[in-house]
Amino acid sequence: MNNHSLTRRDFLKKSAITAGAVAFPYFIPASALGADGVNPSDKIVVGYWGTGSQGSGNAKGFTGKSDVQAVAVCDVNPGGTNYAGNRLAGREPTIKAIEDMYAKQKGAG
């Protein structure tokens, strides 16, 4: 006689574990597991504020790197040329530069 009987509780536990293992790749994006070349724990996530003369240059310089991800831009000035060097800087030009850089990396318009 076989002493290995499967109870309903054991069956449900094993079924849930199997279903979770099968469903895991569908709920976790590959980028969270480092499929894009950089592990998430090695990525620097930044937000920029005060994107005037120096800040807009920092944003453009750092965001182009593969291990840096820009997630926010904040400045009370939406944009203008009233900065050092009389170049266009501020919130909107910095956002556009970051979005253009990400679009170029992804090959999107």
C-alpha atoms as a PDB file:
ATOM      1  CA  MET A   1       0.000   0.000   0.000  1.00  0.00           C
ATOM      2  CA  ASN A   2       1.293   3.473  -0.913  1.00  0.00           C
ATOM      3  CA  ASN A   3       1.655   5.904   2.024  1.00  0.00           C
ATOM      4  CA  HIS A   4       2.172   8.914  -0.285  1.00  0.00           C
ATOM      5  CA  SER A   5      -1.261  10.467  -0.492  1.00  0.00           C
ATOM      6  CA  LEU A   6      -1.724  13.966  -1.829  1.00  0.00           C
ATOM      7  CA  THR A   7      -4.080  16.077   0.252  1.00  0.00           C
ATOM      8  CA  ARG A   8      -6.154  18.873  -1.180  1.00  0.00           C
ATOM      9  CA  ARG A   9      -4.078  21.413   0.769  1.00  0.00           C
ATOM     10  CA  ASP A  10      -0.787  20.038  -0.626  1.00  0.00           C
ATOM     11  CA  PHE A  11      -2.237  20.050  -4.132  1.00  0.00           C
ATOM     12  CA  LEU A  12      -3.297  23.716  -3.815  1.00  0.00           C
ATOM     13  CA  LYS A  13       0.115  24.748  -2.435  1.00  0.00           C
ATOM     14  CA  LYS A  14       1.976  23.037  -5.260  1.00  0.00           C
ATOM     15  CA  SER A  15      -0.430  24.429  -7.857  1.00  0.00           C
ATOM     16  CA  ALA A  16      -0.003  27.984  -6.548  1.00  0.00           C
ATOM     17  CA  ILE A  17       3.795  27.690  -6.564  1.00  0.00           C
ATOM     18  CA  THR A  18       3.785  26.304 -10.097  1.00  0.00           C
ATOM     19  CA  ALA A  19       1.368  28.992 -11.347  1.00  0.00           C
ATOM     20  CA  GLY A  20       3.480  31.720  -9.749  1.00  0.00           C
ATOM     21  CA  ALA A  21       6.663  30.389 -11.322  1.00  0.00           C
ATOM     22  CA  VAL A  22       5.028  30.222 -14.746  1.00  0.00           C
ATOM     23  CA  ALA A  23       3.434  33.693 -14.460  1.00  0.00           C
ATOM     24  CA  PHE A  24       6.528  35.453 -13.044  1.00  0.00           C
ATOM     25  CA  PRO A  25       8.062  36.455 -16.416  1.00  0.00           C
ATOM     26  CA  TYR A  26       4.753  37.961 -17.564  1.00  0.00           C
ATOM     27  CA  PHE A  27       4.465  40.354 -14.615  1.00  0.00           C
ATOM     28  CA  ILE A  28       8.104  41.375 -14.125  1.00  0.00           C
ATOM     29  CA  PRO A  29       9.571  43.405 -17.016  1.00  0.00           C
ATOM     30  CA  ALA A  30      12.909  42.245 -18.394  1.00  0.00           C
ATOM     31  CA  SER A  31      14.420  45.660 -17.655  1.00  0.00           C
ATOM     32  CA  ALA A  32      13.832  45.042 -13.933  1.00  0.00           C
ATOM     33  CA  LEU A  33      16.057  41.993 -14.224  1.00  0.00           C
ATOM     34  CA  GLY A  34      18.855  43.827 -16.055  1.00  0.00           C
ATOM     35  CA  ALA A  35      18.020  42.704 -19.605  1.00  0.00           C
ATOM     36  CA  ASP A  36      18.848  46.167 -20.993  1.00  0.00           C
ATOM     37  CA  GLY A  37      22.494  45.735 -20.003  1.00  0.00           C
ATOM     38  CA  VAL A  38      22.478  47.595 -16.673  1.00  0.00           C
ATOM     39  CA  ASN A  39      21.222  45.972 -13.484  1.00  0.00           C
ATOM     40  CA  PRO A  40      18.664  48.120 -11.668  1.00  0.00           C
ATOM     41  CA  SER A  41      20.880  48.209  -8.580  1.00  0.00           C
ATOM     42  CA  ASP A  42      23.688  49.692 -10.696  1.00  0.00           C
ATOM     43  CA  LYS A  43      21.495  52.421 -12.242  1.00  0.00           C
ATOM     44  CA  ILE A  44      21.416  55.982 -10.894  1.00  0.00           C
ATOM     45  CA  VAL A  45      17.917  57.486 -10.949  1.00  0.00           C
ATOM     46  CA  VAL A  46      17.965  61.289 -10.863  1.00  0.00           C
ATOM     47  CA  GLY A  47      15.624  64.237 -10.779  1.00  0.00           C
ATOM     48  CA  TYR A  48      16.835  67.688 -11.825  1.00  0.00           C
ATOM     49  CA  TRP A  49      15.741  70.941 -10.256  1.00  0.00           C
ATOM     50  CA  GLY A  50      17.031  74.391 -11.010  1.00  0.00           C
ATOM     51  CA  THR A  51      17.766  73.683 -14.663  1.00  0.00           C
ATOM     52  CA  GLY A  52      19.200  77.078 -15.460  1.00  0.00           C
ATOM     53  CA  SER A  53      22.747  77.687 -16.653  1.00  0.00           C
ATOM     54  CA  GLN A  54      24.561  74.904 -14.811  1.00  0.00           C
ATOM     55  CA  GLY A  55      21.582  72.625 -14.191  1.00  0.00           C
ATOM     56  CA  SER A  56      20.627  72.178 -17.843  1.00  0.00           C
ATOM     57  CA  GLY A  57      24.233  71.323 -18.707  1.00  0.00           C
ATOM     58  CA  ASN A  58      24.340  68.757 -15.894  1.00  0.00           C
ATOM     59  CA  ALA A  59      21.065  67.217 -17.050  1.00  0.00           C
ATOM     60  CA  LYS A  60      22.274  66.862 -20.639  1.00  0.00           C
ATOM     61  CA  GLY A  61      25.651  65.512 -19.529  1.00  0.00           C
ATOM     62  CA  PHE A  62      24.438  62.913 -17.042  1.00  0.00           C
ATOM     63  CA  THR A  63      21.314  61.705 -18.824  1.00  0.00           C
ATOM     64  CA  GLY A  64      23.213  60.518 -21.888  1.00  0.00           C
ATOM     65  CA  LYS A  65      24.939  57.803 -19.860  1.00  0.00           C
ATOM     66  CA  SER A  66      23.601  54.234 -19.903  1.00  0.00           C
ATOM     67  CA  ASP A  67      23.630  53.883 -16.115  1.00  0.00           C
ATOM     68  CA  VAL A  68      21.670  57.099 -15.420  1.00  0.00           C
ATOM     69  CA  GLN A  69      17.899  57.482 -15.746  1.00  0.00           C
ATOM     70  CA  ALA A  70      16.209  60.883 -15.530  1.00  0.00           C
ATOM     71  CA  VAL A  71      12.763  60.746 -13.961  1.00  0.00           C
ATOM     72  CA  ALA A  72      11.917  64.379 -13.130  1.00  0.00           C
ATOM     73  CA  VAL A  73      12.741  67.965 -14.099  1.00  0.00           C
ATOM     74  CA  CYS A  74      11.705  70.926 -11.963  1.00  0.00           C
ATOM     75  CA  ASP A  75      12.294  74.655 -12.441  1.00  0.00           C
ATOM     76  CA  VAL A  76      10.059  77.668 -11.820  1.00  0.00           C
ATOM     77  CA  ASN A  77      11.283  79.194 -15.081  1.00  0.00           C
ATOM     78  CA  PRO A  78       9.749  77.373 -18.060  1.00  0.00           C
ATOM     79  CA  GLY A  79      12.567  78.494 -20.344  1.00  0.00           C
ATOM     80  CA  GLY A  80      14.378  81.428 -21.807  1.00  0.00           C
ATOM     81  CA  THR A  81      17.733  82.891 -22.739  1.00  0.00           C
ATOM     82  CA  ASN A  82      18.273  84.958 -19.597  1.00  0.00           C
ATOM     83  CA  TYR A  83      20.963  82.611 -18.324  1.00  0.00           C
ATOM     84  CA  ALA A  84      24.754  82.720 -18.389  1.00  0.00           C
ATOM     85  CA  GLY A  85      26.060  82.428 -21.921  1.00  0.00           C
ATOM     86  CA  ASN A  86      22.676  83.678 -23.206  1.00  0.00           C
ATOM     87  CA  ARG A  87      21.656  80.159 -24.218  1.00  0.00           C
ATOM     88  CA  LEU A  88      18.241  78.554 -24.028  1.00  0.00           C
ATOM     89  CA  ALA A  89      17.768  76.857 -20.654  1.00  0.00           C
ATOM     90  CA  GLY A  90      15.079  76.181 -18.068  1.00  0.00           C
ATOM     91  CA  ARG A  91      12.446  73.501 -17.475  1.00  0.00           C
ATOM     92  CA  GLU A  92      10.925  72.983 -20.955  1.00  0.00           C
ATOM     93  CA  PRO A  93      14.177  73.005 -22.993  1.00  0.00           C
ATOM     94  CA  THR A  94      15.740  70.539 -20.530  1.00  0.00           C
ATOM     95  CA  ILE A  95      12.710  68.225 -20.682  1.00  0.00           C
ATOM     96  CA  LYS A  96      12.814  68.357 -24.492  1.00  0.00           C
ATOM     97  CA  ALA A  97      16.556  67.571 -24.557  1.00  0.00           C
ATOM     98  CA  ILE A  98      16.075  64.573 -22.226  1.00  0.00           C
ATOM     99  CA  GLU A  99      13.061  63.264 -24.167  1.00  0.00           C
ATOM    100  CA  ASP A 100      14.915  63.662 -27.485  1.00  0.00           C
ATOM    101  CA  MET A 101      17.895  61.768 -26.087  1.00  0.00           C
ATOM    102  CA  TYR A 102      15.691  58.874 -24.894  1.00  0.00           C
ATOM    103  CA  ALA A 103      13.826  58.818 -28.236  1.00  0.00           C
ATOM    104  CA  LYS A 104      17.157  58.631 -30.071  1.00  0.00           C
ATOM    105  CA  GLN A 105      18.316  55.736 -27.834  1.00  0.00           C
ATOM    106  CA  LYS A 106      15.085  53.809 -28.448  1.00  0.00           C
ATOM    107  CA  GLY A 107      14.973  54.654 -32.152  1.00  0.00           C
ATOM    108  CA  ALA A 108      11.597  56.361 -31.748  1.00  0.00           C
ATOM    109  CA  GLY A 109      10.377  59.705 -32.999  1.00  0.00           C
END
